[in-house]
PDB file of all heavy atoms in Angstrom:
ATOM      1  N   ARG A   1      82.493  99.152 125.648  1.00  0.00           N
ATOM      2  CA  ARG A   1      81.157  99.185 126.219  1.00  0.00           C
ATOM      3  C   ARG A   1      80.401 100.469 125.881  1.00  0.00           C
ATOM      4  O   ARG A   1      79.264 100.443 125.447  1.00  0.00           O
ATOM      5  CB  ARG A   1      81.246  99.035 127.745  1.00  0.00           C
ATOM      6  CG  ARG A   1      79.886  98.976 128.422  1.00  0.00           C
ATOM      7  CD  ARG A   1      80.008  98.727 129.931  1.00  0.00           C
ATOM      8  NE  ARG A   1      80.690  99.800 130.625  1.00  0.00           N
ATOM      9  CZ  ARG A   1      81.925  99.731 131.113  1.00  0.00           C
ATOM     10  NH1 ARG A   1      82.645  98.635 130.941  1.00  0.00           N
ATOM     11  NH2 ARG A   1      82.489 100.740 131.748  1.00  0.00           N
ATOM     12  N   ASP A   2      81.071 101.604 126.076  1.00  0.00           N
ATOM     13  CA  ASP A   2      80.369 102.882 125.939  1.00  0.00           C
ATOM     14  C   ASP A   2      80.509 103.501 124.555  1.00  0.00           C
ATOM     15  O   ASP A   2      79.561 104.064 124.022  1.00  0.00           O
ATOM     16  CB  ASP A   2      80.884 103.876 126.991  1.00  0.00           C
ATOM     17  CG  ASP A   2      80.537 103.428 128.399  1.00  0.00           C
ATOM     18  OD1 ASP A   2      81.338 102.689 128.999  1.00  0.00           O
ATOM     19  OD2 ASP A   2      79.468 103.814 128.866  1.00  0.00           O
ATOM     20  N   LEU A   3      81.700 103.402 123.976  1.00  0.00           N
ATOM     21  CA  LEU A   3      81.904 104.073 122.691  1.00  0.00           C
ATOM     22  C   LEU A   3      81.097 103.431 121.582  1.00  0.00           C
ATOM     23  O   LEU A   3      80.689 104.097 120.635  1.00  0.00           O
ATOM     24  CB  LEU A   3      83.391 104.058 122.330  1.00  0.00           C
ATOM     25  CG  LEU A   3      84.308 104.831 123.293  1.00  0.00           C
ATOM     26  CD1 LEU A   3      85.720 104.843 122.747  1.00  0.00           C
ATOM     27  CD2 LEU A   3      83.814 106.236 123.502  1.00  0.00           C
ATOM     28  N   ALA A   4      80.837 102.126 121.701  1.00  0.00           N
ATOM     29  CA  ALA A   4      80.047 101.456 120.664  1.00  0.00           C
ATOM     30  C   ALA A   4      78.626 101.983 120.621  1.00  0.00           C
ATOM     31  O   ALA A   4      77.960 101.927 119.586  1.00  0.00           O
ATOM     32  CB  ALA A   4      80.039  99.948 120.923  1.00  0.00           C
ATOM     33  N   ALA A   5      78.165 102.497 121.784  1.00  0.00           N
ATOM     34  CA  ALA A   5      76.794 103.003 121.853  1.00  0.00           C
ATOM     35  C   ALA A   5      76.673 104.434 121.356  1.00  0.00           C
ATOM     36  O   ALA A   5      75.568 104.937 121.177  1.00  0.00           O
ATOM     37  CB  ALA A   5      76.280 102.924 123.294  1.00  0.00           C
ATOM     38  N   MET A   6      77.798 105.090 121.121  1.00  0.00           N
ATOM     39  CA  MET A   6      77.738 106.474 120.660  1.00  0.00           C
ATOM     40  C   MET A   6      77.269 106.530 119.208  1.00  0.00           C
ATOM     41  O   MET A   6      77.649 105.698 118.396  1.00  0.00           O
ATOM     42  CB  MET A   6      79.120 107.130 120.779  1.00  0.00           C
ATOM     43  CG  MET A   6      79.540 107.406 122.193  1.00  0.00           C
ATOM     44  SD  MET A   6      81.110 108.297 122.241  1.00  0.00           S
ATOM     45  CE  MET A   6      81.306 108.476 124.013  1.00  0.00           C
ATOM     46  N   PRO A   7      76.456 107.520 118.871  1.00  0.00           N
ATOM     47  CA  PRO A   7      75.963 107.622 117.501  1.00  0.00           C
ATOM     48  C   PRO A   7      77.064 108.014 116.540  1.00  0.00           C
ATOM     49  O   PRO A   7      78.070 108.591 116.925  1.00  0.00           O
ATOM     50  CB  PRO A   7      74.911 108.741 117.599  1.00  0.00           C
ATOM     51  CG  PRO A   7      75.332 109.546 118.774  1.00  0.00           C
ATOM     52  CD  PRO A   7      75.949 108.580 119.738  1.00  0.00           C
ATOM     53  N   PRO A   8      76.899 107.693 115.260  1.00  0.00           N
ATOM     54  CA  PRO A   8      77.899 108.068 114.262  1.00  0.00           C
ATOM     55  C   PRO A   8      77.915 109.566 114.045  1.00  0.00           C
ATOM     56  O   PRO A   8      76.957 110.261 114.393  1.00  0.00           O
ATOM     57  CB  PRO A   8      77.423 107.330 113.004  1.00  0.00           C
ATOM     58  CG  PRO A   8      75.943 107.188 113.198  1.00  0.00           C
ATOM     59  CD  PRO A   8      75.745 106.991 114.669  1.00  0.00           C
ATOM     60  N   PRO A   9      78.990 110.100 113.480  1.00  0.00           N
ATOM     61  CA  PRO A   9      79.049 111.539 113.223  1.00  0.00           C
ATOM     62  C   PRO A   9      77.940 111.993 112.286  1.00  0.00           C
ATOM     63  O   PRO A   9      77.457 111.237 111.450  1.00  0.00           O
ATOM     64  CB  PRO A   9      80.432 111.725 112.565  1.00  0.00           C
ATOM     65  CG  PRO A   9      81.227 110.531 112.998  1.00  0.00           C
ATOM     66  CD  PRO A   9      80.222 109.418 113.120  1.00  0.00           C
ATOM     67  N   VAL A  10      77.546 113.253 112.456  1.00  0.00           N
ATOM     68  CA  VAL A  10      76.476 113.818 111.646  1.00  0.00           C
ATOM     69  C   VAL A  10      77.053 114.427 110.382  1.00  0.00           C
ATOM     70  O   VAL A  10      78.069 115.106 110.409  1.00  0.00           O
ATOM     71  CB  VAL A  10      75.748 114.919 112.455  1.00  0.00           C
ATOM     72  CG1 VAL A  10      74.666 115.557 111.603  1.00  0.00           C
ATOM     73  CG2 VAL A  10      75.150 114.329 113.711  1.00  0.00           C
ATOM     74  N   HIS A  11      76.429 114.165 109.246  1.00  0.00           N
ATOM     75  CA  HIS A  11      76.810 114.816 107.994  1.00  0.00           C
ATOM     76  C   HIS A  11      76.021 116.106 107.876  1.00  0.00           C
ATOM     77  O   HIS A  11      74.800 116.102 107.878  1.00  0.00           O
ATOM     78  CB  HIS A  11      76.519 113.895 106.821  1.00  0.00           C
ATOM     79  CG  HIS A  11      77.292 112.606 106.893  1.00  0.00           C
ATOM     80  ND1 HIS A  11      78.640 112.536 106.646  1.00  0.00           N
ATOM     81  CD2 HIS A  11      76.880 111.352 107.221  1.00  0.00           C
ATOM     82  CE1 HIS A  11      79.055 111.276 106.784  1.00  0.00           C
ATOM     83  NE2 HIS A  11      78.011 110.542 107.137  1.00  0.00           N
ATOM     84  N   ARG A  12      76.740 117.217 107.794  1.00  0.00           N
ATOM     85  CA  ARG A  12      76.087 118.516 107.889  1.00  0.00           C
ATOM     86  C   ARG A  12      76.087 119.244 106.555  1.00  0.00           C
ATOM     87  O   ARG A  12      77.031 119.157 105.778  1.00  0.00           O
ATOM     88  CB  ARG A  12      76.808 119.385 108.933  1.00  0.00           C
ATOM     89  CG  ARG A  12      76.702 118.835 110.332  1.00  0.00           C
ATOM     90  CD  ARG A  12      77.517 119.675 111.303  1.00  0.00           C
ATOM     91  NE  ARG A  12      78.941 119.604 111.031  1.00  0.00           N
ATOM     92  CZ  ARG A  12      79.724 118.638 111.493  1.00  0.00           C
ATOM     93  NH1 ARG A  12      79.212 117.684 112.224  1.00  0.00           N
ATOM     94  NH2 ARG A  12      81.007 118.635 111.235  1.00  0.00           N
ATOM     95  N   SER A  13      75.038 120.009 106.364  1.00  0.00           N
ATOM     96  CA  SER A  13      74.979 120.893 105.199  1.00  0.00           C
ATOM     97  C   SER A  13      75.241 122.309 105.647  1.00  0.00           C
ATOM     98  O   SER A  13      74.761 122.739 106.684  1.00  0.00           O
ATOM     99  CB  SER A  13      73.591 120.798 104.557  1.00  0.00           C
ATOM    100  OG  SER A  13      73.407 121.825 103.631  1.00  0.00           O
ATOM    101  N   ARG A  14      76.000 123.064 104.854  1.00  0.00           N
ATOM    102  CA  ARG A  14      76.288 124.444 105.228  1.00  0.00           C
ATOM    103  C   ARG A  14      75.516 125.417 104.350  1.00  0.00           C
ATOM    104  O   ARG A  14      75.773 126.613 104.353  1.00  0.00           O
ATOM    105  CB  ARG A  14      77.790 124.713 105.088  1.00  0.00           C
ATOM    106  CG  ARG A  14      78.582 124.068 106.184  1.00  0.00           C
ATOM    107  CD  ARG A  14      80.064 123.931 105.903  1.00  0.00           C
ATOM    108  NE  ARG A  14      80.628 124.956 105.046  1.00  0.00           N
ATOM    109  CZ  ARG A  14      81.854 124.861 104.547  1.00  0.00           C
ATOM    110  NH1 ARG A  14      82.593 123.823 104.816  1.00  0.00           N
ATOM    111  NH2 ARG A  14      82.319 125.807 103.770  1.00  0.00           N
ATOM    112  N   SER A  15      74.533 124.922 103.594  1.00  0.00           N
ATOM    113  CA  SER A  15      73.903 125.795 102.601  1.00  0.00           C
ATOM    114  C   SER A  15      72.527 126.299 103.007  1.00  0.00           C
ATOM    115  O   SER A  15      71.965 127.122 102.318  1.00  0.00           O
ATOM    116  CB  SER A  15      73.773 125.025 101.279  1.00  0.00           C
ATOM    117  OG  SER A  15      72.950 123.883 101.462  1.00  0.00           O
ATOM    118  N   SER A  16      71.964 125.817 104.105  1.00  0.00           N
ATOM    119  CA  SER A  16      70.579 126.167 104.419  1.00  0.00           C
ATOM    120  C   SER A  16      70.504 127.340 105.368  1.00  0.00           C
ATOM    121  O   SER A  16      71.349 127.532 106.216  1.00  0.00           O
ATOM    122  CB  SER A  16      69.857 124.961 105.026  1.00  0.00           C
ATOM    123  OG  SER A  16      70.546 124.504 106.158  1.00  0.00           O
ATOM    124  N   ASP A  17      69.467 128.126 105.224  1.00  0.00           N
ATOM    125  CA  ASP A  17      69.240 129.263 106.107  1.00  0.00           C
ATOM    126  C   ASP A  17      68.419 128.860 107.318  1.00  0.00           C
ATOM    127  O   ASP A  17      68.651 129.327 108.416  1.00  0.00           O
ATOM    128  CB  ASP A  17      68.503 130.378 105.357  1.00  0.00           C
ATOM    129  CG  ASP A  17      69.332 130.927 104.219  1.00  0.00           C
ATOM    130  OD1 ASP A  17      70.545 131.083 104.422  1.00  0.00           O
ATOM    131  OD2 ASP A  17      68.767 131.155 103.139  1.00  0.00           O
ATOM    132  N   SER A  18      67.407 128.044 107.111  1.00  0.00           N
ATOM    133  CA  SER A  18      66.610 127.533 108.217  1.00  0.00           C
ATOM    134  C   SER A  18      67.037 126.101 108.474  1.00  0.00           C
ATOM    135  O   SER A  18      67.213 125.336 107.539  1.00  0.00           O
ATOM    136  CB  SER A  18      65.119 127.568 107.866  1.00  0.00           C
ATOM    137  OG  SER A  18      64.370 126.989 108.898  1.00  0.00           O
ATOM    138  N   LEU A  19      67.262 125.759 109.700  1.00  0.00           N
ATOM    139  CA  LEU A  19      67.932 124.511 110.023  1.00  0.00           C
ATOM    140  C   LEU A  19      67.022 123.569 110.801  1.00  0.00           C
ATOM    141  O   LEU A  19      66.417 123.973 111.779  1.00  0.00           O
ATOM    142  CB  LEU A  19      69.180 124.784 110.871  1.00  0.00           C
ATOM    143  CG  LEU A  19      70.153 125.813 110.297  1.00  0.00           C
ATOM    144  CD1 LEU A  19      71.272 126.047 111.280  1.00  0.00           C
ATOM    145  CD2 LEU A  19      70.696 125.343 108.982  1.00  0.00           C
ATOM    146  N   ALA A  20      66.928 122.324 110.329  1.00  0.00           N
ATOM    147  CA  ALA A  20      66.362 121.283 111.180  1.00  0.00           C
ATOM    148  C   ALA A  20      67.519 120.806 112.034  1.00  0.00           C
ATOM    149  O   ALA A  20      68.481 120.243 111.533  1.00  0.00           O
ATOM    150  CB  ALA A  20      65.815 120.143 110.338  1.00  0.00           C
ATOM    151  N   MET A  21      67.459 121.074 113.334  1.00  0.00           N
ATOM    152  CA  MET A  21      68.640 120.921 114.168  1.00  0.00           C
ATOM    153  C   MET A  21      68.699 119.561 114.845  1.00  0.00           C
ATOM    154  O   MET A  21      67.698 118.952 115.153  1.00  0.00           O
ATOM    155  CB  MET A  21      68.658 121.997 115.253  1.00  0.00           C
ATOM    156  CG  MET A  21      68.756 123.391 114.716  1.00  0.00           C
ATOM    157  SD  MET A  21      70.367 123.706 113.986  1.00  0.00           S
ATOM    158  CE  MET A  21      70.208 125.439 113.612  1.00  0.00           C
ATOM    159  N   SER A  22      69.934 119.129 115.120  1.00  0.00           N
ATOM    160  CA  SER A  22      70.148 117.945 115.944  1.00  0.00           C
ATOM    161  C   SER A  22      71.434 118.133 116.711  1.00  0.00           C
ATOM    162  O   SER A  22      72.243 118.978 116.394  1.00  0.00           O
ATOM    163  CB  SER A  22      70.229 116.680 115.088  1.00  0.00           C
ATOM    164  OG  SER A  22      71.449 116.631 114.393  1.00  0.00           O
ATOM    165  N   PHE A  23      71.612 117.329 117.764  1.00  0.00           N
ATOM    166  CA  PHE A  23      72.865 117.335 118.501  1.00  0.00           C
ATOM    167  C   PHE A  23      73.750 116.189 118.061  1.00  0.00           C
ATOM    168  O   PHE A  23      74.948 116.295 117.994  1.00  0.00           O
ATOM    169  CB  PHE A  23      72.600 117.230 120.009  1.00  0.00           C
ATOM    170  CG  PHE A  23      72.245 118.532 120.628  1.00  0.00           C
ATOM    171  CD1 PHE A  23      70.999 118.747 121.185  1.00  0.00           C
ATOM    172  CD2 PHE A  23      73.165 119.557 120.660  1.00  0.00           C
ATOM    173  CE1 PHE A  23      70.686 119.961 121.770  1.00  0.00           C
ATOM    174  CE2 PHE A  23      72.859 120.778 121.242  1.00  0.00           C
ATOM    175  CZ  PHE A  23      71.617 120.973 121.802  1.00  0.00           C
ATOM    176  N   ALA A  24      73.162 115.032 117.797  1.00  0.00           N
ATOM    177  CA  ALA A  24      73.940 113.871 117.376  1.00  0.00           C
ATOM    178  C   ALA A  24      73.002 112.926 116.668  1.00  0.00           C
ATOM    179  O   ALA A  24      71.821 112.863 116.951  1.00  0.00           O
ATOM    180  CB  ALA A  24      74.585 113.195 118.572  1.00  0.00           C
ATOM    181  N   GLY A  25      73.533 112.172 115.716  1.00  0.00           N
ATOM    182  CA  GLY A  25      72.678 111.282 114.956  1.00  0.00           C
ATOM    183  C   GLY A  25      71.928 112.040 113.897  1.00  0.00           C
ATOM    184  O   GLY A  25      72.114 113.223 113.684  1.00  0.00           O
ATOM    185  N   GLY A  26      71.014 111.386 113.194  1.00  0.00           N
ATOM    186  CA  GLY A  26      70.338 112.009 112.075  1.00  0.00           C
ATOM    187  C   GLY A  26      68.935 112.461 112.380  1.00  0.00           C
ATOM    188  O   GLY A  26      68.215 112.846 111.488  1.00  0.00           O
ATOM    189  N   ASN A  27      68.508 112.402 113.635  1.00  0.00           N
ATOM    190  CA  ASN A  27      67.126 112.745 113.966  1.00  0.00           C
ATOM    191  C   ASN A  27      67.014 114.203 114.353  1.00  0.00           C
ATOM    192  O   ASN A  27      67.937 114.798 114.910  1.00  0.00           O
ATOM    193  CB  ASN A  27      66.633 111.873 115.124  1.00  0.00           C
ATOM    194  CG  ASN A  27      66.616 110.399 114.748  1.00  0.00           C
ATOM    195  OD1 ASN A  27      66.284 110.063 113.620  1.00  0.00           O
ATOM    196  ND2 ASN A  27      66.993 109.552 115.680  1.00  0.00           N
ATOM    197  N   THR A  28      65.842 114.789 114.077  1.00  0.00           N
ATOM    198  CA  THR A  28      65.593 116.164 114.475  1.00  0.00           C
ATOM    199  C   THR A  28      65.603 116.258 115.999  1.00  0.00           C
ATOM    200  O   THR A  28      65.089 115.394 116.689  1.00  0.00           O
ATOM    201  CB  THR A  28      64.235 116.629 113.930  1.00  0.00           C
ATOM    202  OG1 THR A  28      64.248 116.490 112.511  1.00  0.00           O
ATOM    203  CG2 THR A  28      63.974 118.076 114.307  1.00  0.00           C
ATOM    204  N   ILE A  29      66.175 117.327 116.517  1.00  0.00           N
ATOM    205  CA  ILE A  29      66.308 117.485 117.956  1.00  0.00           C
ATOM    206  C   ILE A  29      64.959 117.736 118.609  1.00  0.00           C
ATOM    207  O   ILE A  29      64.060 118.350 118.037  1.00  0.00           O
ATOM    208  CB  ILE A  29      67.279 118.644 118.270  1.00  0.00           C
ATOM    209  CG1 ILE A  29      67.591 118.671 119.760  1.00  0.00           C
ATOM    210  CG2 ILE A  29      66.722 119.963 117.807  1.00  0.00           C
ATOM    211  CD1 ILE A  29      68.644 119.682 120.114  1.00  0.00           C
ATOM    212  N   THR A  30      64.806 117.237 119.831  1.00  0.00           N
ATOM    213  CA  THR A  30      63.608 117.459 120.641  1.00  0.00           C
ATOM    214  C   THR A  30      63.968 118.377 121.799  1.00  0.00           C
ATOM    215  O   THR A  30      65.140 118.501 122.160  1.00  0.00           O
ATOM    216  CB  THR A  30      63.069 116.131 121.187  1.00  0.00           C
ATOM    217  OG1 THR A  30      64.028 115.589 122.117  1.00  0.00           O
ATOM    218  CG2 THR A  30      62.811 115.135 120.070  1.00  0.00           C
ATOM    219  N   PRO A  31      62.965 119.014 122.424  1.00  0.00           N
ATOM    220  CA  PRO A  31      63.263 119.853 123.591  1.00  0.00           C
ATOM    221  C   PRO A  31      63.961 119.081 124.709  1.00  0.00           C
ATOM    222  O   PRO A  31      64.823 119.628 125.403  1.00  0.00           O
ATOM    223  CB  PRO A  31      61.874 120.342 124.018  1.00  0.00           C
ATOM    224  CG  PRO A  31      61.062 120.309 122.764  1.00  0.00           C
ATOM    225  CD  PRO A  31      61.550 119.127 122.003  1.00  0.00           C
ATOM    226  N   GLU A  32      63.584 117.822 124.888  1.00  0.00           N
ATOM    227  CA  GLU A  32      64.220 117.008 125.921  1.00  0.00           C
ATOM    228  C   GLU A  32      65.710 116.838 125.649  1.00  0.00           C
ATOM    229  O   GLU A  32      66.535 116.840 126.575  1.00  0.00           O
ATOM    230  CB  GLU A  32      63.540 115.638 126.011  1.00  0.00           C
ATOM    231  CG  GLU A  32      62.135 115.653 126.585  1.00  0.00           C
ATOM    232  CD  GLU A  32      61.093 116.216 125.618  1.00  0.00           C
ATOM    233  OE1 GLU A  32      61.367 116.231 124.393  1.00  0.00           O
ATOM    234  OE2 GLU A  32      60.032 116.671 126.078  1.00  0.00           O
ATOM    235  N   GLN A  33      66.067 116.714 124.358  1.00  0.00           N
ATOM    236  CA  GLN A  33      67.478 116.591 124.014  1.00  0.00           C
ATOM    237  C   GLN A  33      68.239 117.875 124.286  1.00  0.00           C
ATOM    238  O   GLN A  33      69.410 117.847 124.661  1.00  0.00           O
ATOM    239  CB  GLN A  33      67.621 116.193 122.543  1.00  0.00           C
ATOM    240  CG  GLN A  33      67.252 114.744 122.250  1.00  0.00           C
ATOM    241  CD  GLN A  33      67.302 114.439 120.757  1.00  0.00           C
ATOM    242  OE1 GLN A  33      66.786 115.201 119.952  1.00  0.00           O
ATOM    243  NE2 GLN A  33      67.921 113.330 120.406  1.00  0.00           N
ATOM    244  N   VAL A  34      67.569 119.008 124.090  1.00  0.00           N
ATOM    245  CA  VAL A  34      68.212 120.286 124.402  1.00  0.00           C
ATOM    246  C   VAL A  34      68.606 120.313 125.872  1.00  0.00           C
ATOM    247  O   VAL A  34      69.740 120.666 126.230  1.00  0.00           O
ATOM    248  CB  VAL A  34      67.280 121.467 124.074  1.00  0.00           C
ATOM    249  CG1 VAL A  34      67.880 122.774 124.580  1.00  0.00           C
ATOM    250  CG2 VAL A  34      67.027 121.561 122.579  1.00  0.00           C
ATOM    251  N   VAL A  35      67.661 119.933 126.745  1.00  0.00           N
ATOM    252  CA  VAL A  35      67.933 119.936 128.182  1.00  0.00           C
ATOM    253  C   VAL A  35      69.040 118.947 128.522  1.00  0.00           C
ATOM    254  O   VAL A  35      69.958 119.254 129.289  1.00  0.00           O
ATOM    255  CB  VAL A  35      66.648 119.609 128.976  1.00  0.00           C
ATOM    256  CG1 VAL A  35      66.959 119.453 130.462  1.00  0.00           C
ATOM    257  CG2 VAL A  35      65.612 120.700 128.772  1.00  0.00           C
ATOM    258  N   ASN A  36      68.966 117.746 127.949  1.00  0.00           N
ATOM    259  CA  ASN A  36      69.951 116.709 128.284  1.00  0.00           C
ATOM    260  C   ASN A  36      71.346 117.046 127.773  1.00  0.00           C
ATOM    261  O   ASN A  36      72.342 116.574 128.327  1.00  0.00           O
ATOM    262  CB  ASN A  36      69.503 115.357 127.719  1.00  0.00           C
ATOM    263  CG  ASN A  36      68.292 114.797 128.438  1.00  0.00           C
ATOM    264  OD1 ASN A  36      68.059 115.113 129.606  1.00  0.00           O
ATOM    265  ND2 ASN A  36      67.510 113.982 127.753  1.00  0.00           N
ATOM    266  N   GLN A  37      71.433 117.857 126.702  1.00  0.00           N
ATOM    267  CA  GLN A  37      72.734 118.183 126.142  1.00  0.00           C
ATOM    268  C   GLN A  37      73.366 119.410 126.771  1.00  0.00           C
ATOM    269  O   GLN A  37      74.513 119.734 126.462  1.00  0.00           O
ATOM    270  CB  GLN A  37      72.614 118.395 124.626  1.00  0.00           C
ATOM    271  CG  GLN A  37      72.436 117.115 123.830  1.00  0.00           C
ATOM    272  CD  GLN A  37      73.677 116.231 123.894  1.00  0.00           C
ATOM    273  OE1 GLN A  37      74.790 116.722 123.965  1.00  0.00           O
ATOM    274  NE2 GLN A  37      73.468 114.929 123.888  1.00  0.00           N
TER     275      GLN A  37
END
């Protein structure tokens, strides 16, 4: 029930200096996600 709803792992790059950040999934993080996480 619950694990199927979890997003897939994020593929990360280690080469960038400035980061478009996320917590999970491939979308850019929002302030609301910061609070919820």
